[in-house]
Amino acid sequence: MDTLTKEGVPWLLPIPLKFGLPPLRSARITTGKKAEKAIFLSLLLFDIWFVASRYQELLTLVHQHIV
């Protein structure tokens, strides 16, 4: 999520170079604005839907790795 913000993320630590998507900083979203909250809420709802719709498959996958 932070990769989409104007601040970007230092993916190559300890090198302090920050990366963001899209590459143009002016096209990225500002932290704390409505756009960021809307994207976060959308991703959260998608995650809930995905887990609920694939629960048995995910449970089987997790169980296979534990045993």
Protein backbone atom coordinates (compact mmCIF):
# COMPACT_ATOMS: atom_id res chain seq x y z
CA MET A 1 0.00 0.00 0.00
CA ASP A 2 2.81 2.45 0.84
CA THR A 3 4.27 1.90 -2.63
CA LEU A 4 1.24 3.79 -4.00
CA THR A 5 1.87 6.91 -1.86
CA LYS A 6 3.93 9.96 -2.77
CA GLU A 7 6.51 9.02 -0.13
CA GLY A 8 7.27 5.63 -1.67
CA VAL A 9 9.07 2.74 0.03
CA PRO A 10 12.83 2.08 0.44
CA TRP A 11 12.72 -1.46 -1.03
CA LEU A 12 16.54 -1.71 -1.23
CA LEU A 13 17.45 -0.98 2.39
CA PRO A 14 20.09 -0.01 3.49
CA ILE A 15 20.18 2.00 0.24
CA PRO A 16 17.87 4.97 0.97
CA LEU A 17 16.40 5.04 -2.56
CA LYS A 18 12.58 5.03 -2.41
CA PHE A 19 10.35 3.43 -5.04
CA GLY A 20 6.70 4.07 -5.80
CA LEU A 21 3.97 3.14 -8.24
CA PRO A 22 3.15 4.71 -10.62
CA PRO A 23 6.66 6.00 -11.38
CA LEU A 24 5.45 9.60 -11.68
CA ARG A 25 5.29 10.98 -8.15
CA SER A 26 2.52 13.43 -9.06
CA ALA A 27 0.25 10.52 -10.06
CA ARG A 28 0.56 8.78 -6.66
CA ILE A 29 -1.87 9.26 -3.79
CA THR A 30 -1.27 11.45 -0.75
CA THR A 31 -1.14 9.76 2.65
CA GLY A 32 -4.22 10.36 4.80
CA LYS A 33 -6.49 11.52 1.97
CA LYS A 34 -9.80 9.98 0.94
CA ALA A 35 -8.22 8.14 -2.01
CA GLU A 36 -5.89 6.21 0.30
CA LYS A 37 -8.72 5.29 2.63
CA ALA A 38 -10.91 4.18 -0.30
CA ILE A 39 -8.15 1.97 -1.72
CA PHE A 40 -7.45 0.48 1.71
CA LEU A 41 -11.14 -0.26 2.29
CA SER A 42 -11.44 -1.81 -1.19
CA LEU A 43 -8.44 -4.09 -0.58
CA LEU A 44 -9.76 -5.05 2.84
CA LEU A 45 -13.18 -5.96 1.45
CA PHE A 46 -11.54 -7.93 -1.37
CA ASP A 47 -9.43 -9.86 1.16
CA ILE A 48 -12.50 -10.71 3.25
CA TRP A 49 -14.40 -11.85 0.17
CA PHE A 50 -11.45 -13.90 -1.11
CA VAL A 51 -10.89 -15.72 2.18
CA ALA A 52 -14.62 -16.37 2.61
CA SER A 53 -15.03 -17.72 -0.93
CA ARG A 54 -11.89 -19.91 -0.80
CA TYR A 55 -11.94 -20.88 2.88
CA GLN A 56 -11.87 -24.67 2.39
CA GLU A 57 -9.06 -24.48 -0.17
CA LEU A 58 -7.00 -22.22 2.08
CA LEU A 59 -7.66 -24.45 5.08
CA THR A 60 -6.53 -27.52 3.12
CA LEU A 61 -3.40 -25.72 1.95
CA VAL A 62 -2.48 -24.62 5.46
CA HIS A 63 -3.17 -28.08 6.85
CA GLN A 64 -0.90 -29.70 4.24
CA HIS A 65 2.00 -27.48 5.29
CA ILE A 66 1.51 -28.13 8.99
CA VAL A 67 1.40 -31.92 8.73
